[in-house]
Amino acid sequence: MLKEFKEFAMKGNMVDMAVGIIIGAAFGTVVKSVVDDILMPVVSAVFGAPDFSNLFVLLKNPSGDTFTSLEAAREAGAVALGYGLFINALIAFIIVAFVLFMVVKSMNNMKKKEEAAPAAPPAPPKEEVLLTEIRDLLKQR
């Protein structure tokens, strides 16, 4: 059973999948940084909020305090709906989905080009080549 598992784990597809998962995780980190550090400050400037990820609505506030951040509200025991974090996650998802769409689209285009490329005609069998040579020699006589 251990031998079968080793063969399964070492198949080319499994290794390729593992590499894809690792690269995907790294790509997710880059996309999160793009969203949090580049896009959301621009969106925050447009909407006038200093930190877009801190946009929230208090659903229940037992202390009656005013909070300037979502984290402070949650630490104080208030129930808050953090819609800014959701919007950040949604934008990150859209970016990842768009990039994956572009990658799959390019791969499909490359496959179509490979399929559309005319294949060289198969070489005739040896017997046919030999018979053609014999015919040509007989014609010359």
N, C-alpha and C. Protein backbone atom coordinates (compact mmCIF):
# COMPACT_ATOMS: atom_id res chain seq x y z
N MET A 1 0.82 -1.19 0.00
CA MET A 1 0.00 0.00 0.00
C MET A 1 0.87 1.25 0.00
N LEU A 2 1.96 1.22 0.75
CA LEU A 2 2.87 2.37 0.80
C LEU A 2 3.52 2.60 -0.56
N LYS A 3 3.84 1.51 -1.25
CA LYS A 3 4.44 1.62 -2.58
C LYS A 3 3.46 2.25 -3.57
N GLU A 4 2.18 1.85 -3.49
CA GLU A 4 1.16 2.42 -4.37
C GLU A 4 1.00 3.92 -4.11
N PHE A 5 1.00 4.29 -2.83
CA PHE A 5 0.88 5.72 -2.48
C PHE A 5 2.07 6.50 -3.02
N LYS A 6 3.26 5.94 -2.90
CA LYS A 6 4.46 6.62 -3.40
C LYS A 6 4.37 6.82 -4.91
N GLU A 7 3.93 5.80 -5.64
CA GLU A 7 3.77 5.91 -7.09
C GLU A 7 2.74 6.97 -7.44
N PHE A 8 1.64 7.00 -6.69
CA PHE A 8 0.59 7.99 -6.93
C PHE A 8 1.10 9.40 -6.66
N ALA A 9 1.80 9.59 -5.56
CA ALA A 9 2.28 10.92 -5.17
C ALA A 9 3.37 11.43 -6.10
N MET A 10 4.12 10.54 -6.71
CA MET A 10 5.23 10.96 -7.55
C MET A 10 4.87 11.05 -9.03
N LYS A 11 3.61 10.84 -9.38
CA LYS A 11 3.21 11.00 -10.76
C LYS A 11 3.42 12.45 -11.17
N GLY A 12 3.67 12.67 -12.44
CA GLY A 12 3.91 14.02 -12.93
C GLY A 12 2.77 14.97 -12.64
N ASN A 13 1.53 14.49 -12.75
CA ASN A 13 0.39 15.37 -12.50
C ASN A 13 0.34 15.85 -11.06
N MET A 14 0.67 15.01 -10.13
CA MET A 14 0.64 15.40 -8.72
C MET A 14 1.71 16.46 -8.43
N VAL A 15 2.89 16.27 -8.99
CA VAL A 15 3.96 17.25 -8.78
C VAL A 15 3.57 18.58 -9.42
N ASP A 16 3.01 18.52 -10.62
CA ASP A 16 2.56 19.74 -11.29
C ASP A 16 1.49 20.44 -10.48
N MET A 17 0.57 19.68 -9.91
CA MET A 17 -0.49 20.27 -9.10
C MET A 17 0.09 20.92 -7.85
N ALA A 18 1.06 20.27 -7.22
CA ALA A 18 1.67 20.84 -6.02
C ALA A 18 2.37 22.16 -6.36
N VAL A 19 3.09 22.20 -7.47
CA VAL A 19 3.75 23.43 -7.89
C VAL A 19 2.71 24.52 -8.16
N GLY A 20 1.61 24.13 -8.81
CA GLY A 20 0.54 25.09 -9.09
C GLY A 20 -0.07 25.66 -7.83
N ILE A 21 -0.25 24.82 -6.82
CA ILE A 21 -0.83 25.30 -5.56
C ILE A 21 0.11 26.27 -4.88
N ILE A 22 1.39 25.98 -4.88
CA ILE A 22 2.37 26.86 -4.25
C ILE A 22 2.44 28.20 -4.97
N ILE A 23 2.48 28.16 -6.30
CA ILE A 23 2.51 29.40 -7.08
C ILE A 23 1.20 30.17 -6.88
N GLY A 24 0.08 29.45 -6.81
CA GLY A 24 -1.20 30.10 -6.56
C GLY A 24 -1.25 30.81 -5.23
N ALA A 25 -0.68 30.20 -4.21
CA ALA A 25 -0.64 30.84 -2.90
C ALA A 25 0.22 32.11 -2.94
N ALA A 26 1.35 32.03 -3.62
CA ALA A 26 2.21 33.22 -3.76
C ALA A 26 1.49 34.29 -4.56
N PHE A 27 0.79 33.90 -5.61
CA PHE A 27 0.04 34.85 -6.43
C PHE A 27 -1.06 35.50 -5.60
N GLY A 28 -1.71 34.72 -4.73
CA GLY A 28 -2.74 35.26 -3.85
C GLY A 28 -2.19 36.33 -2.93
N THR A 29 -0.97 36.13 -2.45
CA THR A 29 -0.33 37.13 -1.59
C THR A 29 -0.06 38.41 -2.36
N VAL A 30 0.39 38.27 -3.60
CA VAL A 30 0.65 39.45 -4.43
C VAL A 30 -0.65 40.19 -4.72
N VAL A 31 -1.70 39.45 -5.05
CA VAL A 31 -2.99 40.10 -5.34
C VAL A 31 -3.52 40.80 -4.10
N LYS A 32 -3.37 40.18 -2.93
CA LYS A 32 -3.83 40.82 -1.68
C LYS A 32 -3.08 42.12 -1.47
N SER A 33 -1.79 42.12 -1.72
CA SER A 33 -1.01 43.35 -1.58
C SER A 33 -1.45 44.41 -2.58
N VAL A 34 -1.71 44.00 -3.83
CA VAL A 34 -2.17 44.96 -4.83
C VAL A 34 -3.49 45.58 -4.39
N VAL A 35 -4.40 44.75 -3.90
CA VAL A 35 -5.70 45.26 -3.48
C VAL A 35 -5.57 46.16 -2.26
N ASP A 36 -4.87 45.67 -1.22
CA ASP A 36 -4.79 46.41 0.04
C ASP A 36 -3.92 47.66 -0.06
N ASP A 37 -2.81 47.57 -0.81
CA ASP A 37 -1.83 48.65 -0.79
C ASP A 37 -1.90 49.60 -1.98
N ILE A 38 -2.54 49.18 -3.08
CA ILE A 38 -2.57 50.04 -4.27
C ILE A 38 -4.00 50.44 -4.63
N LEU A 39 -4.88 49.46 -4.81
CA LEU A 39 -6.24 49.79 -5.26
C LEU A 39 -7.10 50.43 -4.17
N MET A 40 -7.10 49.85 -2.98
CA MET A 40 -8.01 50.33 -1.95
C MET A 40 -7.68 51.74 -1.46
N PRO A 41 -6.43 52.16 -1.39
CA PRO A 41 -6.19 53.56 -1.05
C PRO A 41 -6.79 54.53 -2.07
N VAL A 42 -6.76 54.14 -3.35
CA VAL A 42 -7.37 54.98 -4.38
C VAL A 42 -8.88 55.02 -4.19
N VAL A 43 -9.47 53.85 -3.95
CA VAL A 43 -10.92 53.80 -3.71
C VAL A 43 -11.27 54.58 -2.45
N SER A 44 -10.44 54.46 -1.42
CA SER A 44 -10.67 55.20 -0.18
C SER A 44 -10.64 56.70 -0.41
N ALA A 45 -9.72 57.14 -1.24
CA ALA A 45 -9.63 58.57 -1.53
C ALA A 45 -10.88 59.05 -2.27
N VAL A 46 -11.41 58.22 -3.15
CA VAL A 46 -12.62 58.59 -3.89
C VAL A 46 -13.82 58.68 -2.95
N PHE A 47 -13.94 57.71 -2.03
CA PHE A 47 -15.08 57.69 -1.11
C PHE A 47 -14.86 58.55 0.13
N GLY A 48 -13.64 59.04 0.34
CA GLY A 48 -13.37 59.90 1.48
C GLY A 48 -13.11 59.17 2.79
N ALA A 49 -13.00 57.85 2.75
CA ALA A 49 -12.71 57.08 3.97
C ALA A 49 -11.20 56.91 4.07
N PRO A 50 -10.62 57.14 5.24
CA PRO A 50 -9.16 57.01 5.36
C PRO A 50 -8.66 55.58 5.16
N ASP A 51 -9.40 54.61 5.61
CA ASP A 51 -9.01 53.21 5.43
C ASP A 51 -10.25 52.43 5.04
N PHE A 52 -10.32 52.03 3.80
CA PHE A 52 -11.51 51.38 3.27
C PHE A 52 -11.83 50.08 4.00
N SER A 53 -10.79 49.38 4.47
CA SER A 53 -11.02 48.11 5.16
C SER A 53 -11.68 48.31 6.52
N ASN A 54 -11.71 49.54 7.01
CA ASN A 54 -12.35 49.82 8.29
C ASN A 54 -13.77 50.33 8.14
N LEU A 55 -14.36 50.21 6.98
CA LEU A 55 -15.76 50.59 6.83
C LEU A 55 -16.61 49.48 7.44
N PHE A 56 -17.47 49.87 8.36
CA PHE A 56 -18.29 48.88 9.04
C PHE A 56 -19.57 49.53 9.54
N VAL A 57 -20.53 48.67 9.87
CA VAL A 57 -21.79 49.11 10.45
C VAL A 57 -21.95 48.37 11.76
N LEU A 58 -22.22 49.11 12.83
CA LEU A 58 -22.44 48.48 14.12
C LEU A 58 -23.86 47.90 14.17
N LEU A 59 -23.94 46.61 14.46
CA LEU A 59 -25.23 45.96 14.58
C LEU A 59 -25.69 45.94 16.04
N LYS A 60 -24.72 45.78 16.93
CA LYS A 60 -25.02 45.76 18.36
C LYS A 60 -23.85 46.37 19.10
N ASN A 61 -24.12 47.38 19.89
CA ASN A 61 -23.07 48.09 20.61
C ASN A 61 -23.46 48.18 22.08
N PRO A 62 -23.09 47.16 22.88
CA PRO A 62 -23.50 47.15 24.29
C PRO A 62 -22.88 48.27 25.12
N SER A 63 -21.68 48.74 24.74
CA SER A 63 -21.02 49.77 25.55
C SER A 63 -21.48 51.18 25.18
N GLY A 64 -22.00 51.36 23.99
CA GLY A 64 -22.44 52.68 23.55
C GLY A 64 -21.29 53.58 23.11
N ASP A 65 -20.08 53.05 23.05
CA ASP A 65 -18.91 53.85 22.63
C ASP A 65 -18.92 54.07 21.12
N THR A 66 -18.12 55.03 20.69
CA THR A 66 -17.91 55.28 19.27
C THR A 66 -16.56 54.68 18.91
N PHE A 67 -16.52 53.95 17.81
CA PHE A 67 -15.29 53.25 17.41
C PHE A 67 -14.79 53.80 16.08
N THR A 68 -13.46 53.89 16.00
CA THR A 68 -12.86 54.40 14.77
C THR A 68 -12.37 53.29 13.85
N SER A 69 -12.32 52.08 14.38
CA SER A 69 -11.88 50.96 13.54
C SER A 69 -12.72 49.73 13.84
N LEU A 70 -12.78 48.86 12.88
CA LEU A 70 -13.52 47.61 13.02
C LEU A 70 -12.90 46.75 14.11
N GLU A 71 -11.59 46.73 14.15
CA GLU A 71 -10.88 45.92 15.16
C GLU A 71 -11.20 46.41 16.57
N ALA A 72 -11.22 47.72 16.78
CA ALA A 72 -11.53 48.26 18.10
C ALA A 72 -12.96 47.93 18.50
N ALA A 73 -13.88 47.98 17.55
CA ALA A 73 -15.28 47.66 17.85
C ALA A 73 -15.41 46.19 18.26
N ARG A 74 -14.74 45.32 17.56
CA ARG A 74 -14.84 43.89 17.87
C ARG A 74 -14.16 43.57 19.20
N GLU A 75 -13.04 44.25 19.48
CA GLU A 75 -12.37 44.03 20.76
C GLU A 75 -13.24 44.47 21.93
N ALA A 76 -14.05 45.51 21.73
CA ALA A 76 -14.91 46.02 22.79
C ALA A 76 -16.17 45.18 22.94
N GLY A 77 -16.36 44.19 22.10
CA GLY A 77 -17.51 43.31 22.21
C GLY A 77 -18.70 43.74 21.36
N ALA A 78 -18.52 44.72 20.53
CA ALA A 78 -19.60 45.16 19.66
C ALA A 78 -19.71 44.19 18.47
N VAL A 79 -20.92 44.04 17.97
CA VAL A 79 -21.15 43.22 16.79
C VAL A 79 -21.15 44.18 15.60
N ALA A 80 -20.20 43.97 14.69
CA ALA A 80 -20.05 44.89 13.57
C ALA A 80 -20.01 44.12 12.26
N LEU A 81 -20.64 44.70 11.27
CA LEU A 81 -20.65 44.16 9.92
C LEU A 81 -19.55 44.87 9.14
N GLY A 82 -18.46 44.15 8.84
CA GLY A 82 -17.30 44.76 8.17
C GLY A 82 -17.41 44.66 6.67
N TYR A 83 -18.21 45.53 6.07
CA TYR A 83 -18.42 45.45 4.62
C TYR A 83 -17.19 45.92 3.84
N GLY A 84 -16.33 46.71 4.43
CA GLY A 84 -15.10 47.13 3.75
C GLY A 84 -14.17 45.96 3.49
N LEU A 85 -14.05 45.07 4.49
CA LEU A 85 -13.22 43.87 4.31
C LEU A 85 -13.81 42.96 3.24
N PHE A 86 -15.14 42.89 3.21
CA PHE A 86 -15.79 42.08 2.18
C PHE A 86 -15.51 42.64 0.80
N ILE A 87 -15.57 43.95 0.66
CA ILE A 87 -15.30 44.58 -0.64
C ILE A 87 -13.85 44.34 -1.04
N ASN A 88 -12.92 44.41 -0.08
CA ASN A 88 -11.52 44.09 -0.38
C ASN A 88 -11.39 42.67 -0.91
N ALA A 89 -12.03 41.72 -0.23
CA ALA A 89 -11.96 40.31 -0.65
C ALA A 89 -12.60 40.12 -2.01
N LEU A 90 -13.70 40.82 -2.26
CA LEU A 90 -14.39 40.71 -3.55
C LEU A 90 -13.52 41.23 -4.68
N ILE A 91 -12.86 42.35 -4.47
CA ILE A 91 -11.97 42.91 -5.50
C ILE A 91 -10.80 41.96 -5.75
N ALA A 92 -10.23 41.38 -4.68
CA ALA A 92 -9.13 40.42 -4.84
C ALA A 92 -9.60 39.21 -5.65
N PHE A 93 -10.80 38.73 -5.37
CA PHE A 93 -11.35 37.60 -6.10
C PHE A 93 -11.52 37.94 -7.58
N ILE A 94 -12.04 39.11 -7.87
CA ILE A 94 -12.26 39.51 -9.26
C ILE A 94 -10.92 39.59 -10.00
N ILE A 95 -9.89 40.11 -9.35
CA ILE A 95 -8.57 40.19 -9.99
C ILE A 95 -8.04 38.79 -10.28
N VAL A 96 -8.11 37.89 -9.29
CA VAL A 96 -7.62 36.52 -9.50
C VAL A 96 -8.42 35.83 -10.59
N ALA A 97 -9.74 35.98 -10.57
CA ALA A 97 -10.58 35.35 -11.58
C ALA A 97 -10.25 35.88 -12.97
N PHE A 98 -10.02 37.18 -13.09
CA PHE A 98 -9.69 37.76 -14.39
C PHE A 98 -8.34 37.25 -14.89
N VAL A 99 -7.35 37.19 -14.01
CA VAL A 99 -6.03 36.70 -14.43
C VAL A 99 -6.12 35.23 -14.84
N LEU A 100 -6.86 34.43 -14.08
CA LEU A 100 -7.02 33.03 -14.46
C LEU A 100 -7.76 32.89 -15.79
N PHE A 101 -8.75 33.74 -16.01
CA PHE A 101 -9.46 33.75 -17.29
C PHE A 101 -8.49 34.03 -18.42
N MET A 102 -7.63 35.02 -18.24
CA MET A 102 -6.66 35.37 -19.28
C MET A 102 -5.67 34.23 -19.52
N VAL A 103 -5.23 33.55 -18.47
CA VAL A 103 -4.30 32.43 -18.62
C VAL A 103 -4.97 31.29 -19.38
N VAL A 104 -6.20 30.94 -18.99
CA VAL A 104 -6.90 29.85 -19.66
C VAL A 104 -7.19 30.21 -21.11
N LYS A 105 -7.56 31.47 -21.35
CA LYS A 105 -7.83 31.92 -22.72
C LYS A 105 -6.56 31.80 -23.58
N SER A 106 -5.40 32.20 -23.03
CA SER A 106 -4.15 32.09 -23.80
C SER A 106 -3.80 30.63 -24.07
N MET A 107 -4.02 29.77 -23.07
CA MET A 107 -3.73 28.35 -23.27
C MET A 107 -4.64 27.77 -24.35
N ASN A 108 -5.91 28.14 -24.34
CA ASN A 108 -6.83 27.65 -25.38
C ASN A 108 -6.43 28.15 -26.76
N ASN A 109 -6.00 29.41 -26.85
CA ASN A 109 -5.54 29.94 -28.15
C ASN A 109 -4.31 29.19 -28.64
N MET A 110 -3.38 28.88 -27.73
CA MET A 110 -2.18 28.13 -28.13
C MET A 110 -2.56 26.73 -28.60
N LYS A 111 -3.52 26.09 -27.92
CA LYS A 111 -3.95 24.75 -28.35
C LYS A 111 -4.61 24.81 -29.72
N LYS A 112 -5.42 25.86 -29.96
CA LYS A 112 -6.07 26.00 -31.27
C LYS A 112 -5.03 26.17 -32.37
N LYS A 113 -3.98 26.96 -32.10
CA LYS A 113 -2.93 27.16 -33.10
C LYS A 113 -2.20 25.86 -33.38
N GLU A 114 -1.96 25.06 -32.34
CA GLU A 114 -1.29 23.77 -32.54
C GLU A 114 -2.17 22.84 -33.36
N GLU A 115 -3.48 22.84 -33.07
CA GLU A 115 -4.39 21.97 -33.81
C GLU A 115 -4.55 22.45 -35.24
N ALA A 116 -4.53 23.76 -35.46
CA ALA A 116 -4.73 24.31 -36.79
C ALA A 116 -3.49 24.17 -37.67
N ALA A 117 -2.33 24.06 -37.06
CA ALA A 117 -1.10 23.92 -37.84
C ALA A 117 -1.16 22.61 -38.62
N PRO A 118 -0.94 22.70 -39.94
CA PRO A 118 -1.02 21.47 -40.74
C PRO A 118 0.12 20.53 -40.38
N ALA A 119 -0.24 19.31 -40.15
CA ALA A 119 0.76 18.30 -39.82
C ALA A 119 1.40 17.80 -41.12
N ALA A 120 2.67 17.47 -41.04
CA ALA A 120 3.37 16.94 -42.21
C ALA A 120 2.74 15.59 -42.56
N PRO A 121 2.59 15.34 -43.86
CA PRO A 121 1.99 14.06 -44.25
C PRO A 121 2.88 12.92 -43.76
N PRO A 122 2.27 11.83 -43.35
CA PRO A 122 3.07 10.71 -42.84
C PRO A 122 3.92 10.12 -43.96
N ALA A 123 5.08 9.67 -43.58
CA ALA A 123 5.99 9.06 -44.56
C ALA A 123 5.37 7.76 -45.08
N PRO A 124 5.53 7.50 -46.36
CA PRO A 124 4.97 6.26 -46.91
C PRO A 124 5.72 5.05 -46.34
N PRO A 125 5.08 3.90 -46.34
CA PRO A 125 5.76 2.70 -45.82
C PRO A 125 6.98 2.35 -46.68
N LYS A 126 7.90 1.61 -46.09
CA LYS A 126 9.13 1.24 -46.77
C LYS A 126 8.86 0.47 -48.07
N GLU A 127 7.86 -0.38 -48.04
CA GLU A 127 7.55 -1.17 -49.24
C GLU A 127 7.14 -0.27 -50.39
N GLU A 128 6.36 0.76 -50.08
CA GLU A 128 5.90 1.67 -51.13
C GLU A 128 7.08 2.46 -51.71
N VAL A 129 8.00 2.88 -50.85
CA VAL A 129 9.19 3.60 -51.32
C VAL A 129 10.01 2.70 -52.22
N LEU A 130 10.18 1.46 -51.81
CA LEU A 130 10.96 0.50 -52.61
C LEU A 130 10.29 0.24 -53.96
N LEU A 131 8.98 0.07 -53.95
CA LEU A 131 8.26 -0.16 -55.21
C LEU A 131 8.35 1.06 -56.13
N THR A 132 8.33 2.27 -55.55
CA THR A 132 8.46 3.49 -56.36
C THR A 132 9.84 3.54 -57.00
N GLU A 133 10.87 3.17 -56.26
CA GLU A 133 12.23 3.16 -56.82
C GLU A 133 12.33 2.13 -57.96
N ILE A 134 11.74 0.97 -57.76
CA ILE A 134 11.77 -0.07 -58.80
C ILE A 134 11.04 0.45 -60.04
N ARG A 135 9.88 1.07 -59.87
CA ARG A 135 9.12 1.60 -61.01
C ARG A 135 9.95 2.64 -61.76
N ASP A 136 10.60 3.54 -61.01
CA ASP A 136 11.39 4.57 -61.67
C ASP A 136 12.57 3.96 -62.44
N LEU A 137 13.20 2.90 -61.89
CA LEU A 137 14.31 2.24 -62.58
C LEU A 137 13.81 1.56 -63.85
N LEU A 138 12.63 0.95 -63.78
CA LEU A 138 12.08 0.28 -64.96
C LEU A 138 11.72 1.32 -66.05
N LYS A 139 11.26 2.49 -65.66
CA LYS A 139 10.94 3.53 -66.63
C LYS A 139 12.19 4.01 -67.35
N GLN A 140 13.31 4.04 -66.64
CA GLN A 140 14.55 4.54 -67.23
C GLN A 140 15.09 3.56 -68.29
N ARG A 141 14.77 2.27 -68.23
CA ARG A 141 15.26 1.30 -69.19
C ARG A 141 14.52 1.39 -70.41
